[in-house]
Protein backbone atom coordinates (compact mmCIF):
# COMPACT_ATOMS: atom_id res chain seq x y z
CA UNK A 1 -40.57 11.66 4.90
CA UNK A 2 -43.83 12.52 3.25
CA UNK A 3 -43.08 14.55 0.02
CA UNK A 4 -42.55 12.83 -3.31
CA UNK A 5 -39.10 11.66 -4.36
CA UNK A 6 -37.97 14.06 -7.07
CA UNK A 7 -35.47 12.97 -9.83
CA UNK A 8 -33.83 15.28 -12.27
CA UNK A 9 -33.46 13.85 -15.73
CA UNK A 10 -31.68 15.04 -18.86
CA UNK A 11 -31.42 12.00 -21.16
CA UNK A 12 -27.80 11.18 -20.02
CA UNK A 13 -26.75 7.78 -18.69
CA UNK A 14 -26.21 9.26 -15.28
CA UNK A 15 -29.68 10.64 -15.13
CA UNK A 16 -31.11 7.19 -16.21
CA UNK A 17 -29.31 5.64 -13.29
CA UNK A 18 -30.69 8.33 -10.98
CA UNK A 19 -34.15 7.60 -12.29
CA UNK A 20 -33.79 3.86 -11.55
CA UNK A 21 -32.51 4.55 -8.10
CA UNK A 22 -35.26 7.04 -7.27
CA UNK A 23 -38.06 4.74 -8.58
CA UNK A 24 -36.83 1.85 -6.42
CA UNK A 25 -36.72 4.14 -3.37
CA UNK A 26 -40.21 5.36 -4.09
CA UNK A 27 -41.52 1.97 -4.25
CA UNK A 28 -39.85 0.92 -0.98
CA UNK A 29 -41.18 4.02 0.85
CA UNK A 30 -44.54 3.98 -0.83
CA UNK A 31 -44.05 7.53 -2.05
CA UNK A 32 -44.90 9.22 -5.38
CA UNK A 33 -42.09 9.79 -7.81
CA UNK A 34 -41.73 13.23 -9.56
CA UNK A 35 -39.65 13.22 -12.84
CA UNK A 36 -38.46 16.78 -13.74
CA UNK A 37 -36.28 18.61 -16.26
CA UNK A 38 -35.40 22.31 -16.65
CA UNK A 39 -36.01 22.62 -20.32
CA UNK A 40 -34.54 25.92 -21.34
CA UNK A 41 -30.96 25.15 -20.31
CA UNK A 42 -28.36 25.18 -23.09
CA UNK A 43 -29.49 22.35 -25.41
CA UNK A 44 -28.22 18.89 -24.70
CA UNK A 45 -26.28 17.33 -27.60
CA UNK A 46 -29.34 15.25 -28.27
CA UNK A 47 -31.44 18.47 -28.99
CA UNK A 48 -29.44 19.37 -31.93
CA UNK A 49 -29.54 23.15 -31.27
CA UNK A 50 -33.07 23.56 -32.57
CA UNK A 51 -35.32 26.45 -31.88
CA UNK A 52 -37.30 27.05 -28.56
CA UNK A 53 -40.22 25.01 -29.78
CA UNK A 54 -38.08 22.12 -30.84
CA UNK A 55 -36.30 22.10 -27.46
CA UNK A 56 -39.46 22.20 -25.46
CA UNK A 57 -40.95 19.37 -27.50
CA UNK A 58 -37.76 17.32 -27.00
CA UNK A 59 -37.83 18.05 -23.30
CA UNK A 60 -41.41 17.05 -22.85
CA UNK A 61 -40.98 13.89 -24.86
CA UNK A 62 -37.79 13.01 -22.86
CA UNK A 63 -39.51 13.45 -19.49
CA UNK A 64 -42.61 11.48 -20.52
CA UNK A 65 -40.40 8.69 -21.93
CA UNK A 66 -38.63 8.56 -18.46
CA UNK A 67 -41.85 8.41 -16.62
CA UNK A 68 -43.21 5.59 -18.79
CA UNK A 69 -40.00 3.66 -18.30
CA UNK A 70 -40.30 3.51 -14.53
CA UNK A 71 -44.19 3.08 -14.60
CA UNK A 72 -43.72 0.03 -16.85
CA UNK A 73 -41.08 -1.36 -14.54
CA UNK A 74 -42.84 -0.69 -11.25
CA UNK A 75 -46.55 -1.51 -11.22
CA UNK A 76 -48.61 0.74 -8.93
CA UNK A 77 -45.85 3.46 -8.72
CA UNK A 78 -47.32 6.91 -8.73
CA UNK A 79 -45.39 8.98 -11.28
CA UNK A 80 -45.75 12.54 -12.49
CA UNK A 81 -43.57 14.20 -15.34
CA UNK A 82 -42.89 17.94 -15.41
CA UNK A 83 -40.85 20.24 -17.49
CA UNK A 84 -39.64 23.10 -15.23
CA UNK A 85 -39.51 26.53 -16.71
CA UNK A 86 -36.59 28.38 -15.18
CA UNK A 87 -32.94 28.65 -14.52
CA UNK A 88 -31.71 25.09 -13.45
CA UNK A 89 -30.62 25.88 -9.93
CA UNK A 90 -33.67 27.82 -8.91
CA UNK A 91 -36.02 25.33 -10.76
CA UNK A 92 -34.49 22.40 -8.83
CA UNK A 93 -34.59 24.20 -5.54
CA UNK A 94 -38.21 24.97 -6.04
CA UNK A 95 -39.03 21.26 -5.96
CA UNK A 96 -36.53 20.28 -3.34
CA UNK A 97 -38.66 20.44 -0.21
CA UNK A 98 -37.29 19.79 3.36
CA UNK A 99 -39.34 16.49 3.60
CA UNK A 100 -38.49 15.15 0.20
CA UNK A 101 -35.45 13.76 -1.57
CA UNK A 102 -33.89 15.15 -4.63
CA UNK A 103 -32.02 12.59 -6.83
CA UNK A 104 -29.43 13.61 -9.47
CA UNK A 105 -26.95 11.73 -11.65
CA UNK A 106 -23.26 12.16 -11.03
CA UNK A 107 -19.94 11.17 -12.66
CA UNK A 108 -18.03 12.16 -9.58
CA UNK A 109 -14.41 13.12 -9.47
CA UNK A 110 -15.38 16.69 -9.96
CA UNK A 111 -17.07 16.19 -13.28
CA UNK A 112 -20.85 16.55 -12.95
CA UNK A 113 -23.17 16.30 -15.88
CA UNK A 114 -26.69 17.43 -16.79
CA UNK A 115 -28.19 19.17 -13.83
CA UNK A 116 -24.79 19.09 -12.10
CA UNK A 117 -22.80 20.82 -14.71
CA UNK A 118 -20.12 23.14 -13.37
CA UNK A 119 -21.15 25.15 -10.36
CA UNK A 120 -24.76 24.31 -10.60
CA UNK A 121 -24.45 21.04 -8.69
CA UNK A 122 -22.61 22.67 -5.74
CA UNK A 123 -25.23 25.41 -5.56
CA UNK A 124 -28.04 22.96 -5.53
CA UNK A 125 -26.48 20.71 -2.95
CA UNK A 126 -25.34 23.54 -0.82
CA UNK A 127 -28.83 25.30 -0.83
CA UNK A 128 -31.21 22.32 -0.87
CA UNK A 129 -33.40 22.31 2.29
CA UNK A 130 -33.53 18.45 2.07
CA UNK A 131 -31.31 15.51 1.17
CA UNK A 132 -29.73 15.29 -2.31
CA UNK A 133 -28.77 11.85 -3.48
CA UNK A 134 -26.03 11.51 -6.16
CA UNK A 135 -26.11 8.37 -8.31
CA UNK A 136 -23.44 7.14 -10.69
CA UNK A 137 -23.95 5.37 -13.99
CA UNK A 138 -22.58 2.22 -12.66
CA UNK A 139 -25.35 1.94 -9.98
CA UNK A 140 -27.29 -1.39 -10.12
CA UNK A 141 -30.15 -2.73 -7.95
CA UNK A 142 -27.86 -5.65 -6.91
CA UNK A 143 -25.81 -3.10 -4.90
CA UNK A 144 -28.66 -2.65 -2.58
CA UNK A 145 -28.63 -6.24 -1.46
CA UNK A 146 -26.16 -8.87 -0.20
CA UNK A 147 -25.72 -7.44 3.28
CA UNK A 148 -24.29 -4.13 2.25
CA UNK A 149 -24.84 -1.40 4.83
CA UNK A 150 -26.14 2.16 4.96
CA UNK A 151 -23.00 3.97 6.10
CA UNK A 152 -23.61 7.35 7.84
CA UNK A 153 -21.07 9.84 9.07
CA UNK A 154 -21.75 11.38 12.55
CA UNK A 155 -19.90 14.55 13.69
CA UNK A 156 -20.62 17.07 16.50
CA UNK A 157 -23.45 16.82 18.81
CA UNK A 158 -26.80 14.92 18.53
CA UNK A 159 -28.65 17.92 17.09
CA UNK A 160 -25.99 18.54 14.34
CA UNK A 161 -26.21 15.04 12.96
CA UNK A 162 -29.88 14.27 13.59
CA UNK A 163 -31.07 14.84 10.05
CA UNK A 164 -28.53 12.67 8.52
CA UNK A 165 -29.06 9.81 11.04
CA UNK A 166 -32.80 10.12 10.55
CA UNK A 167 -32.35 9.73 6.81
CA UNK A 168 -29.94 6.69 7.27
CA UNK A 169 -32.25 4.93 9.62
CA UNK A 170 -35.37 5.65 7.62
CA UNK A 171 -33.59 4.26 4.50
CA UNK A 172 -32.28 1.18 6.34
CA UNK A 173 -35.77 0.48 7.77
CA UNK A 174 -37.28 0.70 4.25
CA UNK A 175 -34.65 -1.80 2.89
CA UNK A 176 -34.18 -4.08 5.72
CA UNK A 177 -30.53 -2.99 5.92
CA UNK A 178 -28.18 -2.42 8.72
CA UNK A 179 -26.64 0.98 9.58
CA UNK A 180 -22.90 1.58 10.28
CA UNK A 181 -22.53 4.90 12.15
CA UNK A 182 -19.08 6.34 11.73
CA UNK A 183 -17.34 8.86 13.93
CA UNK A 184 -13.79 9.90 12.92
CA UNK A 185 -11.65 11.85 15.35
CA UNK A 186 -8.18 13.30 15.46
CA UNK A 187 -5.91 14.92 17.99
CA UNK A 188 -6.64 18.56 18.23
CA UNK A 189 -3.91 21.14 19.14
CA UNK A 190 -3.40 21.47 22.88
CA UNK A 191 -4.62 25.11 22.87
CA UNK A 192 -7.97 23.95 21.50
CA UNK A 193 -8.87 22.43 24.93
CA UNK A 194 -10.89 24.53 27.25
CA UNK A 195 -11.26 23.72 30.97
CA UNK A 196 -14.75 22.41 30.28
CA UNK A 197 -13.64 20.05 27.51
CA UNK A 198 -10.73 18.82 29.54
CA UNK A 199 -13.16 17.97 32.34
CA UNK A 200 -15.43 16.08 29.93
CA UNK A 201 -12.47 14.16 28.59
CA UNK A 202 -11.26 13.27 31.97
CA UNK A 203 -14.79 12.03 32.96
CA UNK A 204 -14.95 9.92 29.80
CA UNK A 205 -11.55 8.31 30.44
CA UNK A 206 -9.75 9.79 27.40
CA UNK A 207 -10.28 10.91 23.81
CA UNK A 208 -11.43 7.65 22.23
CA UNK A 209 -13.98 6.75 24.96
CA UNK A 210 -15.22 10.36 24.80
CA UNK A 211 -15.78 9.96 21.06
CA UNK A 212 -17.55 6.58 21.60
CA UNK A 213 -19.83 8.19 24.17
CA UNK A 214 -20.66 10.96 21.82
CA UNK A 215 -21.60 8.62 19.07
CA UNK A 216 -23.74 6.42 21.38
CA UNK A 217 -25.64 9.48 22.70
CA UNK A 218 -26.27 10.68 19.06
CA UNK A 219 -27.62 7.16 18.12
CA UNK A 220 -29.76 6.60 21.10
CA UNK A 221 -32.97 8.26 19.93
CA UNK A 222 -32.73 6.51 16.49
CA UNK A 223 -32.14 3.06 18.06
CA UNK A 224 -35.35 3.63 20.11
CA UNK A 225 -37.31 4.77 17.04
CA UNK A 226 -36.05 2.01 14.83
CA UNK A 227 -35.45 -0.98 17.17
CA UNK A 228 -35.38 -3.53 14.21
CA UNK A 229 -32.46 -1.74 12.49
CA UNK A 230 -29.18 -3.43 13.36
CA UNK A 231 -26.51 -0.82 14.19
CA UNK A 232 -22.71 -0.96 14.22
CA UNK A 233 -20.84 1.75 15.91
CA UNK A 234 -17.55 2.63 14.20
CA UNK A 235 -15.17 5.03 15.86
CA UNK A 236 -11.73 5.48 14.20
CA UNK A 237 -8.92 8.00 14.44
CA UNK A 238 -8.33 9.81 11.21
CA UNK A 239 -9.75 12.27 8.63
CA UNK A 240 -13.58 11.84 8.46
CA UNK A 241 -13.54 11.84 4.66
CA UNK A 242 -10.73 9.19 4.44
CA UNK A 243 -12.37 7.01 7.13
CA UNK A 244 -15.71 7.17 5.27
CA UNK A 245 -14.25 6.37 1.93
CA UNK A 246 -12.31 3.43 3.34
CA UNK A 247 -15.77 1.92 4.14
CA UNK A 248 -17.47 2.73 0.88
CA UNK A 249 -16.91 -0.77 -0.58
CA UNK A 250 -19.31 -2.13 1.98
CA UNK A 251 -21.92 0.54 1.54
CA UNK A 252 -25.08 0.43 -0.55
CA UNK A 253 -25.59 4.06 0.31
CA UNK A 254 -23.36 6.61 2.11
CA UNK A 255 -25.00 9.47 4.09
CA UNK A 256 -23.03 12.61 4.90
CA UNK A 257 -24.08 15.85 6.58
CA UNK A 258 -23.05 19.25 5.38
CA UNK A 259 -22.97 22.86 6.53
CA UNK A 260 -23.76 25.11 3.61
CA UNK A 261 -21.54 28.14 3.16
CA UNK A 262 -22.23 30.93 0.72
CA UNK A 263 -19.47 32.67 -1.22
CA UNK A 264 -19.37 35.20 -4.04
CA UNK A 265 -18.76 32.39 -6.46
CA UNK A 266 -21.85 30.39 -5.42
CA UNK A 267 -22.55 27.62 -2.87
CA UNK A 268 -19.68 25.85 -1.03
CA UNK A 269 -19.79 22.42 0.56
CA UNK A 270 -17.74 21.10 3.56
CA UNK A 271 -14.71 19.07 2.90
CA UNK A 272 -16.13 15.74 4.16
CA UNK A 273 -19.16 15.89 1.90
CA UNK A 274 -17.04 17.08 -0.91
CA UNK A 275 -14.64 14.17 -0.63
CA UNK A 276 -17.34 11.57 -0.32
CA UNK A 277 -19.61 12.82 -3.07
CA UNK A 278 -16.68 13.02 -5.56
CA UNK A 279 -14.97 9.68 -4.80
CA UNK A 280 -17.41 7.15 -3.17
CA UNK A 281 -18.43 4.53 -5.76
CA UNK A 282 -21.86 3.99 -4.14
CA UNK A 283 -24.81 6.50 -4.11
CA UNK A 284 -24.21 9.33 -1.69
CA UNK A 285 -26.95 11.23 0.20
CA UNK A 286 -25.90 14.83 1.29
CA UNK A 287 -28.17 15.93 4.09
CA UNK A 288 -28.26 19.55 5.48
CA UNK A 289 -27.70 19.93 9.14
CA UNK A 290 -30.79 21.38 11.07
């Protein structure tokens, strides 16, 4: 990862939590921090419904205050503050590069605030070329210590899950944390088996050994690239979303992949990412498949 870490702020408690998370991560990775706000959105309650000039003045002051907060807290952190002129979704996507991280505040349970109001959040997450991290108000630095793991979901083949695994291992290496790689599986209907898949299952010795082998193969290149990161392989029968959520209390960060689907109503997100980002109590990174 080489691009700055970008955090969207709007003056809300959720965005302040996102700002704190993004600043700590920028320090750990020795990356610049970019603090942004799309100023011409419908006025925040704090704006008071003033005219355009008043709104712009409030927006610039709010972003500069946010930048000063993290600069004072983290000596040496490189911080820029920027008011984005444009519709919120498109403005955020302009600064969400494939090699950077976009950090946003979230209430979860379906109620996003600020940049994630209504369908905006889903469109940003579904269309972002890089990881989007969602942070709740309750997030604290203490949650990143004490042996808590980076929990990452792995599905499909090695290529499908590579971006999510990369992000999980990079984060674990920067924090000195361990990775728990999770592969959930369920019994497919009999008609779903092809002769080729039946042969692979037979060679692996059954469904669970097959799933364990698939997880091990997906992890192998990342184990080699990050030999100092401790890894726990977790294979469990059940819904992927439910299995991941059952492990969220031991996670300092949860990483899930997603396949973006476009619909007439805007962006859509896969069921696993949707469940985790709405219900996990820890920060959640949603990483697009390659």
